[in-house]
Amino acid sequence: MKLKLNPVPEVLEGKRVVVVDDSIVRGTTSRKIVKMIRQAGAKEIHMRISSPPVIAPCFYGIDTPTQKELIGSKLKIEEIRKYITADSLGYLSLEGMLATAPGFSHHYCDACFTNDYPITMTKAEQLQLGLFESDQVRK
């Protein structure tokens, strides 16, 4: 990550910084970014995420972790904020995200934000994908 992101202390020293990212999946990258910006001298760091919290894995081709690895599936927004050590954290609402394409919201899958999948999978398919713990599938 330090190869991609290089905070410039002369620019950040004593500043209030807003970091915009597309999502927080596990939270580890956001935490490192906040730490790096703080070490460069920022006095405040505010994270803004341009999607709702990711609470469920994607079965449709996006490589996301299991549900228990997704920070949004187990922590509230304030708890995520504390984990990433930002001064504030804000997410775009599902309604706000869907409003960016008015009239087409029913054409998009939002399962990773709602845990409501458009296609029901059998228990065998879920096991094959390896996206669930075997005890969760038996329920």
Protein backbone atom coordinates (compact mmCIF):
# COMPACT_ATOMS: atom_id res chain seq x y z
CA MET A 1 0.00 0.00 0.00
CA LYS A 2 2.86 2.40 0.75
CA LEU A 3 4.00 2.01 -2.86
CA LYS A 4 0.63 3.28 -4.11
CA LEU A 5 -0.04 5.97 -1.52
CA ASN A 6 2.52 8.52 -0.41
CA PRO A 7 1.19 11.23 1.88
CA VAL A 8 3.06 14.52 1.64
CA PRO A 9 3.62 15.89 5.15
CA GLU A 10 4.01 19.47 3.87
CA VAL A 11 0.49 19.27 2.43
CA LEU A 12 -1.17 17.42 5.33
CA GLU A 13 0.49 18.98 8.39
CA GLY A 14 -2.20 20.39 10.69
CA LYS A 15 -4.99 19.93 8.13
CA ARG A 16 -8.47 18.44 8.37
CA VAL A 17 -8.56 15.73 5.69
CA VAL A 18 -11.50 14.02 4.01
CA VAL A 19 -10.70 10.62 2.49
CA VAL A 20 -13.21 9.27 -0.04
CA ASP A 21 -13.21 5.56 -0.88
CA ASP A 22 -15.58 3.30 -2.77
CA SER A 23 -16.14 0.79 0.05
CA ILE A 24 -14.82 -0.69 3.25
CA VAL A 25 -14.63 -4.47 3.05
CA ARG A 26 -12.47 -5.76 5.90
CA GLY A 27 -11.38 -2.37 7.23
CA THR A 28 -7.67 -3.14 7.23
CA THR A 29 -6.77 -0.89 4.29
CA SER A 30 -8.81 2.03 5.63
CA ARG A 31 -7.13 1.66 9.00
CA LYS A 32 -3.67 1.77 7.37
CA ILE A 33 -4.58 4.79 5.26
CA VAL A 34 -5.83 6.73 8.30
CA LYS A 35 -2.66 5.82 10.22
CA MET A 36 -0.44 6.91 7.32
CA ILE A 37 -2.22 10.25 6.96
CA ARG A 38 -2.07 10.86 10.71
CA GLN A 39 1.65 10.10 10.76
CA ALA A 40 2.06 12.68 7.98
CA GLY A 41 0.63 15.30 10.35
CA ALA A 42 -3.11 15.59 9.65
CA LYS A 43 -5.00 16.84 12.69
CA GLU A 44 -8.35 15.27 11.67
CA ILE A 45 -9.29 12.51 9.25
CA HIS A 46 -12.85 12.03 8.05
CA MET A 47 -13.73 8.98 5.93
CA ARG A 48 -16.57 9.12 3.41
CA ILE A 49 -17.61 5.94 1.63
CA SER A 50 -19.48 6.14 -1.67
CA SER A 51 -21.53 3.01 -1.02
CA PRO A 52 -23.52 1.52 1.84
CA PRO A 53 -21.70 -0.83 4.23
CA VAL A 54 -20.78 -4.15 2.60
CA ILE A 55 -22.56 -6.75 4.76
CA ALA A 56 -22.67 -9.85 2.54
CA PRO A 57 -20.36 -11.62 0.08
CA CYS A 58 -20.82 -11.42 -3.67
CA PHE A 59 -21.55 -14.68 -5.48
CA TYR A 60 -21.54 -13.09 -8.91
CA GLY A 61 -17.88 -12.65 -9.76
CA ILE A 62 -16.53 -10.06 -7.35
CA ASP A 63 -13.94 -11.52 -5.03
CA THR A 64 -15.27 -10.67 -1.58
CA PRO A 65 -14.54 -12.41 1.71
CA THR A 66 -16.90 -14.60 3.67
CA GLN A 67 -19.61 -12.79 5.60
CA LYS A 68 -17.80 -13.17 8.91
CA GLU A 69 -14.76 -11.37 7.42
CA LEU A 70 -16.81 -8.36 6.28
CA ILE A 71 -16.49 -5.61 8.89
CA GLY A 72 -19.89 -4.17 7.94
CA SER A 73 -21.64 -7.46 8.72
CA LYS A 74 -20.57 -7.50 12.35
CA LEU A 75 -19.92 -3.92 13.47
CA LYS A 76 -22.03 -0.78 13.61
CA ILE A 77 -20.75 2.33 11.80
CA GLU A 78 -19.42 3.90 15.01
CA GLU A 79 -17.54 0.68 15.83
CA ILE A 80 -16.04 0.65 12.33
CA ARG A 81 -15.01 4.29 12.77
CA LYS A 82 -13.22 3.40 15.99
CA TYR A 83 -11.52 0.40 14.36
CA ILE A 84 -10.17 2.45 11.44
CA THR A 85 -9.34 5.28 13.90
CA ALA A 86 -10.96 8.02 11.79
CA ASP A 87 -12.47 11.11 13.42
CA SER A 88 -15.71 10.50 11.55
CA LEU A 89 -17.12 7.96 9.11
CA GLY A 90 -20.03 8.36 6.73
CA TYR A 91 -21.50 6.00 4.16
CA LEU A 92 -23.75 6.72 1.21
CA SER A 93 -27.17 5.22 1.90
CA LEU A 94 -28.57 2.47 -0.31
CA GLU A 95 -31.31 4.88 -1.38
CA GLY A 96 -28.74 7.54 -2.20
CA MET A 97 -26.67 5.11 -4.22
CA LEU A 98 -29.67 3.86 -6.20
CA ALA A 99 -30.84 7.44 -6.77
CA THR A 100 -27.73 8.05 -8.86
CA ALA A 101 -29.39 6.02 -11.65
CA PRO A 102 -33.07 7.00 -11.39
CA GLY A 103 -35.49 4.60 -13.05
CA PHE A 104 -32.94 1.80 -13.17
CA SER A 105 -32.54 0.80 -9.53
CA HIS A 106 -34.38 -2.49 -10.06
CA HIS A 107 -31.76 -3.47 -12.69
CA TYR A 108 -28.87 -3.56 -10.23
CA CYS A 109 -27.90 -6.25 -7.75
CA ASP A 110 -27.50 -4.82 -4.26
CA ALA A 111 -27.06 -8.13 -2.41
CA CYS A 112 -23.69 -7.19 -0.92
CA PHE A 113 -25.40 -4.22 0.77
CA THR A 114 -28.71 -5.89 1.70
CA ASN A 115 -27.99 -9.64 1.97
CA ASP A 116 -30.99 -10.10 -0.35
CA TYR A 117 -29.84 -12.16 -3.33
CA PRO A 118 -31.78 -12.13 -6.62
CA ILE A 119 -31.09 -15.84 -7.21
CA THR A 120 -31.58 -18.45 -4.51
CA MET A 121 -28.72 -20.91 -4.25
CA THR A 122 -28.97 -24.47 -3.00
CA LYS A 123 -27.00 -25.50 0.07
CA ALA A 124 -24.73 -27.60 -2.17
CA GLU A 125 -23.98 -24.55 -4.36
CA GLN A 126 -23.21 -22.47 -1.29
CA LEU A 127 -20.80 -25.12 -0.01
CA GLN A 128 -19.16 -25.44 -3.42
CA LEU A 129 -18.47 -21.74 -3.54
CA GLY A 130 -16.87 -21.94 -0.09
CA LEU A 131 -18.49 -18.67 0.91
CA PHE A 132 -20.21 -20.02 3.99
CA GLU A 133 -19.07 -21.94 7.00
CA SER A 134 -20.49 -25.46 6.81
CA ASP A 135 -22.45 -25.00 10.07
CA GLN A 136 -24.19 -21.91 8.61
CA VAL A 137 -25.36 -23.87 5.55
CA ARG A 138 -26.91 -26.64 7.62
CA LYS A 139 -29.28 -24.20 9.33
